[in-house]
Amino acid sequence: MAGLTVKAVNTLVRERLLAVIKEVRTASGWKVLVVDQHAVRVISSACKMGEIIEEGVTLVEKLEIERQPDRAVEALYLMAPTESNIDRLLQDFPDPSNAKYAYAHVYFTTHLPNNLLSKLKHNPFLVSKVRTMRELHLQFLAVERLSYTLDLADALHNLFS
């Protein structure tokens, strides 16, 4: 297998995240990145803030905290598909007069279950504002060049008890 090159795990994750940010094209060229706790850890394990800013991100905000509306920009949501995160996304787009952002580009770190997809589909205003929705399958942290962790707090206990 001469000539076989192996890319580093953290390089692959960084390239994937930056490609996602770059593919979200907005009229102004700028966007807000809204992330949950897990996404912050995924991004931090692979990217530098400067790399994210170079792709047109003006602000990184946590999904879990109250945010000021900015209806002039589009938001890129990177989050785990959990009930609480879906509820927060729905709260960001309740109706035309109270939307936090102009449009939403929603990326999930893992598979979106059908029951949560149904919950999203039951909000016609949100559906009209979502420009992108994809699953990235990034439910791990790239900690080093050739290693990653699934970040399961009780893994050893569950395996050996």
Protein backbone atom coordinates (compact mmCIF):
# COMPACT_ATOMS: atom_id res chain seq x y z
CA MET A 1 0.00 0.00 0.00
CA ALA A 2 2.73 2.40 -0.92
CA GLY A 3 1.64 5.99 -1.33
CA LEU A 4 -1.43 5.64 0.88
CA THR A 5 -1.96 8.83 2.85
CA VAL A 6 -4.13 9.09 5.91
CA LYS A 7 -5.71 12.40 6.77
CA ALA A 8 -5.87 13.38 10.40
CA VAL A 9 -9.27 13.02 12.07
CA ASN A 10 -9.23 16.60 13.32
CA THR A 11 -8.33 17.82 9.81
CA LEU A 12 -11.28 15.95 8.32
CA VAL A 13 -13.65 17.40 10.91
CA ARG A 14 -12.25 20.92 10.43
CA GLU A 15 -12.62 20.67 6.65
CA ARG A 16 -16.19 19.39 7.02
CA LEU A 17 -17.22 22.15 9.44
CA LEU A 18 -15.63 24.92 7.37
CA ALA A 19 -17.24 23.55 4.20
CA VAL A 20 -20.65 23.66 5.91
CA ILE A 21 -20.11 27.25 7.02
CA LYS A 22 -18.86 28.23 3.55
CA GLU A 23 -21.79 26.59 1.73
CA VAL A 24 -24.27 28.81 3.59
CA ARG A 25 -24.37 31.73 1.20
CA THR A 26 -26.24 34.83 2.29
CA ALA A 27 -27.08 38.05 0.46
CA SER A 28 -24.79 40.08 2.73
CA GLY A 29 -22.07 37.42 2.91
CA TRP A 30 -22.34 37.43 6.71
CA LYS A 31 -24.06 35.00 9.07
CA VAL A 32 -24.56 34.23 12.74
CA LEU A 33 -23.51 30.82 14.03
CA VAL A 34 -25.87 29.49 16.72
CA VAL A 35 -24.51 26.44 18.54
CA ASP A 36 -25.53 24.16 21.38
CA GLN A 37 -23.22 22.81 24.09
CA HIS A 38 -22.22 19.73 22.08
CA ALA A 39 -21.54 21.70 18.89
CA VAL A 40 -19.27 24.08 20.81
CA ARG A 41 -17.15 21.10 21.85
CA VAL A 42 -17.10 19.63 18.32
CA ILE A 43 -16.05 22.96 16.82
CA SER A 44 -13.48 23.65 19.55
CA SER A 45 -11.87 20.26 19.01
CA ALA A 46 -11.22 20.96 15.32
CA CYS A 47 -11.36 24.67 14.45
CA LYS A 48 -9.96 27.99 15.49
CA MET A 49 -12.21 31.02 15.84
CA GLY A 50 -10.26 32.85 13.14
CA GLU A 51 -11.03 30.10 10.62
CA ILE A 52 -14.75 30.44 11.34
CA ILE A 53 -14.67 34.23 11.04
CA GLU A 54 -12.86 33.95 7.68
CA GLU A 55 -15.93 32.09 6.37
CA GLY A 56 -18.26 35.03 7.05
CA VAL A 57 -19.42 34.36 10.60
CA THR A 58 -19.86 37.65 12.43
CA LEU A 59 -21.08 36.25 15.74
CA VAL A 60 -21.16 32.90 17.53
CA GLU A 61 -24.05 32.55 19.97
CA LYS A 62 -25.13 29.77 22.30
CA LEU A 63 -28.53 28.31 21.58
CA GLU A 64 -29.22 27.78 25.28
CA ILE A 65 -29.09 31.45 26.27
CA GLU A 66 -31.41 34.32 25.39
CA ARG A 67 -30.22 36.08 22.24
CA GLN A 68 -31.06 39.45 20.74
CA PRO A 69 -33.00 39.30 17.47
CA ASP A 70 -31.21 40.37 14.30
CA ARG A 71 -33.67 39.99 11.44
CA ALA A 72 -31.15 41.38 8.95
CA VAL A 73 -28.89 38.29 9.08
CA GLU A 74 -29.29 34.61 8.42
CA ALA A 75 -28.43 32.10 11.13
CA LEU A 76 -26.55 28.85 10.79
CA TYR A 77 -27.66 26.50 13.56
CA LEU A 78 -25.31 23.67 14.48
CA MET A 79 -26.87 21.48 17.16
CA ALA A 80 -27.70 18.03 18.40
CA PRO A 81 -31.25 16.93 17.55
CA THR A 82 -32.72 16.99 21.04
CA GLU A 83 -36.19 17.94 22.20
CA SER A 84 -34.91 21.02 24.04
CA ASN A 85 -32.88 22.23 21.04
CA ILE A 86 -35.84 21.80 18.71
CA ASP A 87 -37.99 23.77 21.17
CA ARG A 88 -35.41 26.58 21.18
CA LEU A 89 -35.32 26.64 17.38
CA LEU A 90 -39.12 26.86 17.30
CA GLN A 91 -38.97 29.72 19.82
CA ASP A 92 -36.61 31.61 17.48
CA PHE A 93 -39.23 31.55 14.69
CA PRO A 94 -42.67 31.75 16.35
CA ASP A 95 -44.24 34.10 13.77
CA PRO A 96 -43.21 36.77 11.22
CA SER A 97 -43.16 39.66 13.70
CA ASN A 98 -41.05 37.84 16.32
CA ALA A 99 -38.45 35.93 14.30
CA LYS A 100 -34.91 36.24 15.62
CA TYR A 101 -33.21 35.94 12.21
CA ALA A 102 -34.04 36.43 8.53
CA TYR A 103 -33.57 32.74 7.66
CA ALA A 104 -32.25 29.55 9.24
CA HIS A 105 -29.75 27.00 7.96
CA VAL A 106 -30.06 24.05 10.34
CA TYR A 107 -27.35 21.41 10.66
CA PHE A 108 -27.69 18.55 13.12
CA THR A 109 -24.66 16.81 14.57
CA THR A 110 -26.40 13.42 14.26
CA HIS A 111 -29.57 11.80 12.91
CA LEU A 112 -32.81 13.76 13.40
CA PRO A 113 -35.50 11.39 14.71
CA ASN A 114 -38.83 11.38 12.89
CA ASN A 115 -40.78 12.64 15.91
CA LEU A 116 -38.60 15.78 16.09
CA LEU A 117 -38.84 16.29 12.33
CA SER A 118 -42.63 16.15 12.66
CA LYS A 119 -42.47 18.74 15.41
CA LEU A 120 -40.56 21.07 13.10
CA LYS A 121 -42.95 20.47 10.20
CA HIS A 122 -45.91 21.56 12.35
CA ASN A 123 -44.62 25.15 12.38
CA PRO A 124 -45.35 26.50 8.87
CA PHE A 125 -43.58 29.79 9.54
CA LEU A 126 -40.37 28.01 10.55
CA VAL A 127 -40.64 25.75 7.50
CA SER A 128 -40.84 28.85 5.28
CA LYS A 129 -37.71 30.28 6.91
CA VAL A 130 -35.50 27.17 6.77
CA ARG A 131 -33.22 27.35 3.75
CA THR A 132 -31.06 24.34 4.60
CA MET A 133 -31.47 21.29 6.85
CA ARG A 134 -28.88 18.52 6.99
CA GLU A 135 -27.41 15.88 9.25
CA LEU A 136 -23.61 15.99 9.60
CA HIS A 137 -22.95 12.87 11.69
CA LEU A 138 -20.40 14.57 13.93
CA GLN A 139 -21.31 13.04 17.28
CA PHE A 140 -17.67 12.69 18.31
CA LEU A 141 -14.79 14.96 19.30
CA ALA A 142 -11.59 14.93 17.25
CA VAL A 143 -9.07 15.24 20.06
CA GLU A 144 -5.85 14.56 18.17
CA ARG A 145 -4.49 13.77 14.75
CA LEU A 146 -5.45 10.07 14.81
CA SER A 147 -7.79 9.84 17.76
CA TYR A 148 -11.28 10.82 18.72
CA THR A 149 -13.64 10.33 21.63
CA LEU A 150 -17.35 9.67 21.73
CA ASP A 151 -17.47 11.75 24.91
CA LEU A 152 -19.57 9.25 26.84
CA ALA A 153 -19.20 10.12 30.51
CA ASP A 154 -20.24 6.71 31.89
CA ALA A 155 -18.73 4.52 29.15
CA LEU A 156 -16.24 2.63 31.32
CA HIS A 157 -18.74 2.13 34.10
CA ASN A 158 -21.37 0.84 31.65
CA LEU A 159 -18.92 -1.50 29.92
CA PHE A 160 -17.42 -3.05 33.03
CA SER A 161 -20.26 -3.21 35.50
